[in-house]
Amino acid sequence: MTTDDTTRVPDEAWDAKVKAILKAELKRKGVTYAQLVDKLAAVGVKETEPNIRNKIARGKFTAVFMMQVLTAIGAKEVRLD
């Protein structure tokens, strides 16, 4: 990214991108939000299904949460496109 405002990517675009990436990985692994609650609990992360649904729907979550989810579902690679 550059600091030139004419080429600046809006935050909403980044939110949509990370949301799409995480949803795609969940779909690839065939993991529902309900199943994700259990998988996260297995790696020591307490989340509720509504909380997960809201975080992902907004596309606003920490890198830590994303790594916890990817670890919990056994993702070894992430597709960025």
PDB file of N, CA and C in Angstrom:
ATOM      1  N   MET A   1       0.832  -1.184   0.000  1.00  0.00           N
ATOM      2  CA  MET A   1       0.000   0.000   0.000  1.00  0.00           C
ATOM      3  C   MET A   1       0.872   1.242   0.000  1.00  0.00           C
ATOM      4  N   THR A   2       0.364   2.260  -0.601  1.00  0.00           N
ATOM      5  CA  THR A   2       1.066   3.532  -0.612  1.00  0.00           C
ATOM      6  C   THR A   2       0.288   4.538   0.227  1.00  0.00           C
ATOM      7  N   THR A   3       0.912   5.663   0.459  1.00  0.00           N
ATOM      8  CA  THR A   3       0.234   6.698   1.226  1.00  0.00           C
ATOM      9  C   THR A   3      -0.571   7.622   0.331  1.00  0.00           C
ATOM     10  N   ASP A   4      -0.481   7.445  -0.973  1.00  0.00           N
ATOM     11  CA  ASP A   4      -1.244   8.252  -1.918  1.00  0.00           C
ATOM     12  C   ASP A   4      -2.722   7.912  -1.794  1.00  0.00           C
ATOM     13  N   ASP A   5      -3.560   8.887  -1.436  1.00  0.00           N
ATOM     14  CA  ASP A   5      -4.982   8.646  -1.197  1.00  0.00           C
ATOM     15  C   ASP A   5      -5.732   8.151  -2.430  1.00  0.00           C
ATOM     16  N   THR A   6      -5.214   8.393  -3.619  1.00  0.00           N
ATOM     17  CA  THR A   6      -5.898   7.939  -4.824  1.00  0.00           C
ATOM     18  C   THR A   6      -5.782   6.432  -5.006  1.00  0.00           C
ATOM     19  N   THR A   7      -4.796   5.815  -4.350  1.00  0.00           N
ATOM     20  CA  THR A   7      -4.613   4.363  -4.473  1.00  0.00           C
ATOM     21  C   THR A   7      -4.852   3.649  -3.155  1.00  0.00           C
ATOM     22  N   ARG A   8      -5.275   4.375  -2.154  1.00  0.00           N
ATOM     23  CA  ARG A   8      -5.510   3.793  -0.834  1.00  0.00           C
ATOM     24  C   ARG A   8      -6.704   2.849  -0.873  1.00  0.00           C
ATOM     25  N   VAL A   9      -6.509   1.661  -0.315  1.00  0.00           N
ATOM     26  CA  VAL A   9      -7.595   0.688  -0.233  1.00  0.00           C
ATOM     27  C   VAL A   9      -8.392   0.981   1.029  1.00  0.00           C
ATOM     28  N   PRO A  10      -9.709   1.180   0.904  1.00  0.00           N
ATOM     29  CA  PRO A  10     -10.520   1.483   2.094  1.00  0.00           C
ATOM     30  C   PRO A  10     -10.523   0.327   3.087  1.00  0.00           C
ATOM     31  N   ASP A  11     -10.637   0.668   4.361  1.00  0.00           N
ATOM     32  CA  ASP A  11     -10.669  -0.352   5.409  1.00  0.00           C
ATOM     33  C   ASP A  11     -11.764  -1.376   5.167  1.00  0.00           C
ATOM     34  N   GLU A  12     -12.898  -0.930   4.644  1.00  0.00           N
ATOM     35  CA  GLU A  12     -14.008  -1.858   4.398  1.00  0.00           C
ATOM     36  C   GLU A  12     -13.612  -2.959   3.412  1.00  0.00           C
ATOM     37  N   ALA A  13     -12.741  -2.616   2.468  1.00  0.00           N
ATOM     38  CA  ALA A  13     -12.279  -3.612   1.494  1.00  0.00           C
ATOM     39  C   ALA A  13     -11.404  -4.656   2.186  1.00  0.00           C
ATOM     40  N   TRP A  14     -10.584  -4.209   3.124  1.00  0.00           N
ATOM     41  CA  TRP A  14      -9.755  -5.152   3.884  1.00  0.00           C
ATOM     42  C   TRP A  14     -10.631  -6.043   4.757  1.00  0.00           C
ATOM     43  N   ASP A  15     -11.635  -5.446   5.399  1.00  0.00           N
ATOM     44  CA  ASP A  15     -12.569  -6.220   6.222  1.00  0.00           C
ATOM     45  C   ASP A  15     -13.228  -7.316   5.390  1.00  0.00           C
ATOM     46  N   ALA A  16     -13.677  -6.954   4.195  1.00  0.00           N
ATOM     47  CA  ALA A  16     -14.336  -7.917   3.307  1.00  0.00           C
ATOM     48  C   ALA A  16     -13.371  -9.012   2.882  1.00  0.00           C
ATOM     49  N   LYS A  17     -12.122  -8.643   2.645  1.00  0.00           N
ATOM     50  CA  LYS A  17     -11.103  -9.610   2.209  1.00  0.00           C
ATOM     51  C   LYS A  17     -10.828 -10.645   3.299  1.00  0.00           C
ATOM     52  N   VAL A  18     -10.582 -10.200   4.534  1.00  0.00           N
ATOM     53  CA  VAL A  18     -10.275 -11.162   5.597  1.00  0.00           C
ATOM     54  C   VAL A  18     -11.486 -12.029   5.924  1.00  0.00           C
ATOM     55  N   LYS A  19     -12.663 -11.431   5.854  1.00  0.00           N
ATOM     56  CA  LYS A  19     -13.893 -12.188   6.070  1.00  0.00           C
ATOM     57  C   LYS A  19     -14.024 -13.288   5.014  1.00  0.00           C
ATOM     58  N   ALA A  20     -13.791 -12.945   3.764  1.00  0.00           N
ATOM     59  CA  ALA A  20     -13.899 -13.923   2.673  1.00  0.00           C
ATOM     60  C   ALA A  20     -12.859 -15.028   2.811  1.00  0.00           C
ATOM     61  N   ILE A  21     -11.658 -14.664   3.199  1.00  0.00           N
ATOM     62  CA  ILE A  21     -10.594 -15.663   3.371  1.00  0.00           C
ATOM     63  C   ILE A  21     -10.971 -16.654   4.469  1.00  0.00           C
ATOM     64  N   LEU A  22     -11.409 -16.144   5.609  1.00  0.00           N
ATOM     65  CA  LEU A  22     -11.736 -17.029   6.726  1.00  0.00           C
ATOM     66  C   LEU A  22     -12.941 -17.905   6.408  1.00  0.00           C
ATOM     67  N   LYS A  23     -13.961 -17.319   5.792  1.00  0.00           N
ATOM     68  CA  LYS A  23     -15.140 -18.111   5.421  1.00  0.00           C
ATOM     69  C   LYS A  23     -14.777 -19.191   4.398  1.00  0.00           C
ATOM     70  N   ALA A  24     -13.901 -18.861   3.466  1.00  0.00           N
ATOM     71  CA  ALA A  24     -13.482 -19.840   2.460  1.00  0.00           C
ATOM     72  C   ALA A  24     -12.737 -21.005   3.102  1.00  0.00           C
ATOM     73  N   GLU A  25     -11.885 -20.711   4.075  1.00  0.00           N
ATOM     74  CA  GLU A  25     -11.145 -21.783   4.752  1.00  0.00           C
ATOM     75  C   GLU A  25     -12.088 -22.674   5.553  1.00  0.00           C
ATOM     76  N   LEU A  26     -13.078 -22.071   6.207  1.00  0.00           N
ATOM     77  CA  LEU A  26     -14.063 -22.867   6.943  1.00  0.00           C
ATOM     78  C   LEU A  26     -14.842 -23.763   5.984  1.00  0.00           C
ATOM     79  N   LYS A  27     -15.194 -23.214   4.836  1.00  0.00           N
ATOM     80  CA  LYS A  27     -15.944 -23.993   3.847  1.00  0.00           C
ATOM     81  C   LYS A  27     -15.084 -25.133   3.295  1.00  0.00           C
ATOM     82  N   ARG A  28     -13.825 -24.844   2.985  1.00  0.00           N
ATOM     83  CA  ARG A  28     -12.919 -25.889   2.477  1.00  0.00           C
ATOM     84  C   ARG A  28     -12.811 -27.056   3.441  1.00  0.00           C
ATOM     85  N   LYS A  29     -12.802 -26.726   4.719  1.00  0.00           N
ATOM     86  CA  LYS A  29     -12.679 -27.765   5.754  1.00  0.00           C
ATOM     87  C   LYS A  29     -14.029 -28.345   6.143  1.00  0.00           C
ATOM     88  N   GLY A  30     -15.120 -27.760   5.637  1.00  0.00           N
ATOM     89  CA  GLY A  30     -16.452 -28.257   5.957  1.00  0.00           C
ATOM     90  C   GLY A  30     -16.838 -28.051   7.410  1.00  0.00           C
ATOM     91  N   VAL A  31     -16.392 -26.942   7.979  1.00  0.00           N
ATOM     92  CA  VAL A  31     -16.627 -26.656   9.398  1.00  0.00           C
ATOM     93  C   VAL A  31     -17.707 -25.593   9.551  1.00  0.00           C
ATOM     94  N   THR A  32     -18.748 -25.907  10.305  1.00  0.00           N
ATOM     95  CA  THR A  32     -19.801 -24.941  10.620  1.00  0.00           C
ATOM     96  C   THR A  32     -19.371 -24.110  11.825  1.00  0.00           C
ATOM     97  N   TYR A  33     -20.095 -23.029  12.064  1.00  0.00           N
ATOM     98  CA  TYR A  33     -19.794 -22.210  13.241  1.00  0.00           C
ATOM     99  C   TYR A  33     -19.996 -23.008  14.527  1.00  0.00           C
ATOM    100  N   ALA A  34     -21.016 -23.853  14.561  1.00  0.00           N
ATOM    101  CA  ALA A  34     -21.260 -24.688  15.750  1.00  0.00           C
ATOM    102  C   ALA A  34     -20.082 -25.635  15.985  1.00  0.00           C
ATOM    103  N   GLN A  35     -19.582 -26.227  14.919  1.00  0.00           N
ATOM    104  CA  GLN A  35     -18.428 -27.118  15.045  1.00  0.00           C
ATOM    105  C   GLN A  35     -17.178 -26.336  15.437  1.00  0.00           C
ATOM    106  N   LEU A  36     -17.088 -25.114  14.931  1.00  0.00           N
ATOM    107  CA  LEU A  36     -15.927 -24.287  15.243  1.00  0.00           C
ATOM    108  C   LEU A  36     -15.841 -23.990  16.736  1.00  0.00           C
ATOM    109  N   VAL A  37     -16.973 -23.807  17.385  1.00  0.00           N
ATOM    110  CA  VAL A  37     -16.981 -23.578  18.837  1.00  0.00           C
ATOM    111  C   VAL A  37     -16.243 -24.720  19.537  1.00  0.00           C
ATOM    112  N   ASP A  38     -16.553 -25.958  19.163  1.00  0.00           N
ATOM    113  CA  ASP A  38     -15.912 -27.125  19.782  1.00  0.00           C
ATOM    114  C   ASP A  38     -14.434 -27.213  19.420  1.00  0.00           C
ATOM    115  N   LYS A  39     -14.115 -26.931  18.168  1.00  0.00           N
ATOM    116  CA  LYS A  39     -12.724 -27.007  17.728  1.00  0.00           C
ATOM    117  C   LYS A  39     -11.869 -25.947  18.418  1.00  0.00           C
ATOM    118  N   LEU A  40     -12.436 -24.763  18.595  1.00  0.00           N
ATOM    119  CA  LEU A  40     -11.707 -23.720  19.319  1.00  0.00           C
ATOM    120  C   LEU A  40     -11.523 -24.113  20.784  1.00  0.00           C
ATOM    121  N   ALA A  41     -12.561 -24.675  21.385  1.00  0.00           N
ATOM    122  CA  ALA A  41     -12.457 -25.115  22.785  1.00  0.00           C
ATOM    123  C   ALA A  41     -11.341 -26.147  22.943  1.00  0.00           C
ATOM    124  N   ALA A  42     -11.166 -26.993  21.937  1.00  0.00           N
ATOM    125  CA  ALA A  42     -10.130 -28.025  21.991  1.00  0.00           C
ATOM    126  C   ALA A  42      -8.718 -27.435  22.003  1.00  0.00           C
ATOM    127  N   VAL A  43      -8.569 -26.199  21.504  1.00  0.00           N
ATOM    128  CA  VAL A  43      -7.260 -25.541  21.548  1.00  0.00           C
ATOM    129  C   VAL A  43      -7.221 -24.459  22.626  1.00  0.00           C
ATOM    130  N   GLY A  44      -8.224 -24.486  23.524  1.00  0.00           N
ATOM    131  CA  GLY A  44      -8.223 -23.594  24.684  1.00  0.00           C
ATOM    132  C   GLY A  44      -8.834 -22.226  24.466  1.00  0.00           C
ATOM    133  N   VAL A  45      -9.652 -22.077  23.430  1.00  0.00           N
ATOM    134  CA  VAL A  45     -10.269 -20.784  23.143  1.00  0.00           C
ATOM    135  C   VAL A  45     -11.773 -20.895  23.374  1.00  0.00           C
ATOM    136  N   LYS A  46     -12.274 -20.065  24.274  1.00  0.00           N
ATOM    137  CA  LYS A  46     -13.710 -20.078  24.567  1.00  0.00           C
ATOM    138  C   LYS A  46     -14.407 -19.013  23.740  1.00  0.00           C
ATOM    139  N   GLU A  47     -15.284 -19.438  22.868  1.00  0.00           N
ATOM    140  CA  GLU A  47     -16.097 -18.546  22.035  1.00  0.00           C
ATOM    141  C   GLU A  47     -17.489 -19.134  21.942  1.00  0.00           C
ATOM    142  N   THR A  48     -18.468 -18.278  21.730  1.00  0.00           N
ATOM    143  CA  THR A  48     -19.827 -18.755  21.502  1.00  0.00           C
ATOM    144  C   THR A  48     -20.113 -18.676  20.002  1.00  0.00           C
ATOM    145  N   GLU A  49     -21.087 -19.450  19.572  1.00  0.00           N
ATOM    146  CA  GLU A  49     -21.450 -19.424  18.160  1.00  0.00           C
ATOM    147  C   GLU A  49     -21.897 -18.036  17.705  1.00  0.00           C
ATOM    148  N   PRO A  50     -22.775 -17.353  18.472  1.00  0.00           N
ATOM    149  CA  PRO A  50     -23.172 -16.004  18.042  1.00  0.00           C
ATOM    150  C   PRO A  50     -21.985 -15.032  17.962  1.00  0.00           C
ATOM    151  N   ASN A  51     -21.054 -15.144  18.896  1.00  0.00           N
ATOM    152  CA  ASN A  51     -19.884 -14.269  18.893  1.00  0.00           C
ATOM    153  C   ASN A  51     -19.029 -14.517  17.654  1.00  0.00           C
ATOM    154  N   ILE A  52     -18.821 -15.785  17.317  1.00  0.00           N
ATOM    155  CA  ILE A  52     -18.049 -16.137  16.123  1.00  0.00           C
ATOM    156  C   ILE A  52     -18.751 -15.611  14.878  1.00  0.00           C
ATOM    157  N   ARG A  53     -20.034 -15.848  14.804  1.00  0.00           N
ATOM    158  CA  ARG A  53     -20.820 -15.407  13.645  1.00  0.00           C
ATOM    159  C   ARG A  53     -20.706 -13.892  13.465  1.00  0.00           C
ATOM    160  N   ASN A  54     -20.818 -13.143  14.567  1.00  0.00           N
ATOM    161  CA  ASN A  54     -20.732 -11.681  14.499  1.00  0.00           C
ATOM    162  C   ASN A  54     -19.349 -11.203  14.089  1.00  0.00           C
ATOM    163  N   LYS A  55     -18.306 -11.779  14.672  1.00  0.00           N
ATOM    164  CA  LYS A  55     -16.939 -11.387  14.327  1.00  0.00           C
ATOM    165  C   LYS A  55     -16.681 -11.586  12.839  1.00  0.00           C
ATOM    166  N   ILE A  56     -17.039 -12.759  12.353  1.00  0.00           N
ATOM    167  CA  ILE A  56     -16.760 -13.071  10.959  1.00  0.00           C
ATOM    168  C   ILE A  56     -17.642 -12.235  10.036  1.00  0.00           C
ATOM    169  N   ALA A  57     -18.897 -12.039  10.397  1.00  0.00           N
ATOM    170  CA  ALA A  57     -19.805 -11.244   9.568  1.00  0.00           C
ATOM    171  C   ALA A  57     -19.305  -9.808   9.415  1.00  0.00           C
ATOM    172  N   ARG A  58     -18.746  -9.256  10.483  1.00  0.00           N
ATOM    173  CA  ARG A  58     -18.220  -7.884  10.438  1.00  0.00           C
ATOM    174  C   ARG A  58     -16.894  -7.818   9.703  1.00  0.00           C
ATOM    175  N   GLY A  59     -16.151  -8.932   9.728  1.00  0.00           N
ATOM    176  CA  GLY A  59     -14.815  -8.914   9.152  1.00  0.00           C
ATOM    177  C   GLY A  59     -13.833  -8.174  10.038  1.00  0.00           C
ATOM    178  N   LYS A  60     -14.239  -7.974  11.278  1.00  0.00           N
ATOM    179  CA  LYS A  60     -13.395  -7.255  12.244  1.00  0.00           C
ATOM    180  C   LYS A  60     -13.000  -8.219  13.353  1.00  0.00           C
ATOM    181  N   PHE A  61     -11.804  -8.742  13.241  1.00  0.00           N
ATOM    182  CA  PHE A  61     -11.284  -9.624  14.285  1.00  0.00           C
ATOM    183  C   PHE A  61      -9.774  -9.515  14.257  1.00  0.00           C
ATOM    184  N   THR A  62      -9.169  -9.933  15.344  1.00  0.00           N
ATOM    185  CA  THR A  62      -7.724  -9.818  15.462  1.00  0.00           C
ATOM    186  C   THR A  62      -7.023 -10.903  14.660  1.00  0.00           C
ATOM    187  N   ALA A  63      -5.761 -10.665  14.398  1.00  0.00           N
ATOM    188  CA  ALA A  63      -4.930 -11.685  13.752  1.00  0.00           C
ATOM    189  C   ALA A  63      -4.841 -12.916  14.656  1.00  0.00           C
ATOM    190  N   VAL A  64      -4.865 -12.691  15.955  1.00  0.00           N
ATOM    191  CA  VAL A  64      -4.829 -13.803  16.907  1.00  0.00           C
ATOM    192  C   VAL A  64      -6.054 -14.691  16.718  1.00  0.00           C
ATOM    193  N   PHE A  65      -7.245 -14.091  16.613  1.00  0.00           N
ATOM    194  CA  PHE A  65      -8.460 -14.876  16.400  1.00  0.00           C
ATOM    195  C   PHE A  65      -8.366 -15.654  15.090  1.00  0.00           C
ATOM    196  N   MET A  66      -7.875 -15.010  14.043  1.00  0.00           N
ATOM    197  CA  MET A  66      -7.757 -15.695  12.755  1.00  0.00           C
ATOM    198  C   MET A  66      -6.823 -16.896  12.872  1.00  0.00           C
ATOM    199  N   MET A  67      -5.695 -16.713  13.547  1.00  0.00           N
ATOM    200  CA  MET A  67      -4.749 -17.825  13.731  1.00  0.00           C
ATOM    201  C   MET A  67      -5.347 -18.923  14.595  1.00  0.00           C
ATOM    202  N   GLN A  68      -6.115 -18.560  15.607  1.00  0.00           N
ATOM    203  CA  GLN A  68      -6.768 -19.565  16.450  1.00  0.00           C
ATOM    204  C   GLN A  68      -7.736 -20.396  15.625  1.00  0.00           C
ATOM    205  N   VAL A  69      -8.523 -19.741  14.783  1.00  0.00           N
ATOM    206  CA  VAL A  69      -9.477 -20.451  13.939  1.00  0.00           C
ATOM    207  C   VAL A  69      -8.743 -21.357  12.957  1.00  0.00           C
ATOM    208  N   LEU A  70      -7.752 -20.820  12.279  1.00  0.00           N
ATOM    209  CA  LEU A  70      -7.014 -21.618  11.286  1.00  0.00           C
ATOM    210  C   LEU A  70      -6.327 -22.815  11.930  1.00  0.00           C
ATOM    211  N   THR A  71      -5.792 -22.626  13.122  1.00  0.00           N
ATOM    212  CA  THR A  71      -5.177 -23.727  13.854  1.00  0.00           C
ATOM    213  C   THR A  71      -6.226 -24.758  14.253  1.00  0.00           C
ATOM    214  N   ALA A  72      -7.341 -24.282  14.781  1.00  0.00           N
ATOM    215  CA  ALA A  72      -8.403 -25.173  15.254  1.00  0.00           C
ATOM    216  C   ALA A  72      -8.976 -26.040  14.131  1.00  0.00           C
ATOM    217  N   ILE A  73      -9.039 -25.495  12.913  1.00  0.00           N
ATOM    218  CA  ILE A  73      -9.610 -26.270  11.809  1.00  0.00           C
ATOM    219  C   ILE A  73      -8.550 -27.058  11.047  1.00  0.00           C
ATOM    220  N   GLY A  74      -7.302 -26.920  11.467  1.00  0.00           N
ATOM    221  CA  GLY A  74      -6.228 -27.687  10.837  1.00  0.00           C
ATOM    222  C   GLY A  74      -5.788 -27.161   9.486  1.00  0.00           C
ATOM    223  N   ALA A  75      -5.967 -25.876   9.254  1.00  0.00           N
ATOM    224  CA  ALA A  75      -5.534 -25.283   7.985  1.00  0.00           C
ATOM    225  C   ALA A  75      -4.011 -25.179   7.975  1.00  0.00           C
ATOM    226  N   LYS A  76      -3.420 -25.668   6.923  1.00  0.00           N
ATOM    227  CA  LYS A  76      -1.961 -25.609   6.786  1.00  0.00           C
ATOM    228  C   LYS A  76      -1.527 -24.505   5.825  1.00  0.00           C
ATOM    229  N   GLU A  77      -2.444 -24.137   4.937  1.00  0.00           N
ATOM    230  CA  GLU A  77      -2.185 -23.080   3.961  1.00  0.00           C
ATOM    231  C   GLU A  77      -3.417 -22.183   3.877  1.00  0.00           C
ATOM    232  N   VAL A  78      -3.205 -20.943   3.516  1.00  0.00           N
ATOM    233  CA  VAL A  78      -4.318 -20.020   3.354  1.00  0.00           C
ATOM    234  C   VAL A  78      -4.218 -19.417   1.965  1.00  0.00           C
ATOM    235  N   ARG A  79      -5.300 -19.447   1.231  1.00  0.00           N
ATOM    236  CA  ARG A  79      -5.344 -18.844  -0.114  1.00  0.00           C
ATOM    237  C   ARG A  79      -5.745 -17.390   0.018  1.00  0.00           C
ATOM    238  N   LEU A  80      -4.937 -16.517  -0.534  1.00  0.00           N
ATOM    239  CA  LEU A  80      -5.220 -15.088  -0.425  1.00  0.00           C
ATOM    240  C   LEU A  80      -5.991 -14.528  -1.608  1.00  0.00           C
ATOM    241  N   ASP A  81      -6.216 -15.335  -2.607  1.00  0.00           N
ATOM    242  CA  ASP A  81      -6.976 -14.828  -3.753  1.00  0.00           C
ATOM    243  C   ASP A  81      -8.246 -15.578  -3.970  1.00  0.00           C
TER     244      ASP A  81
END
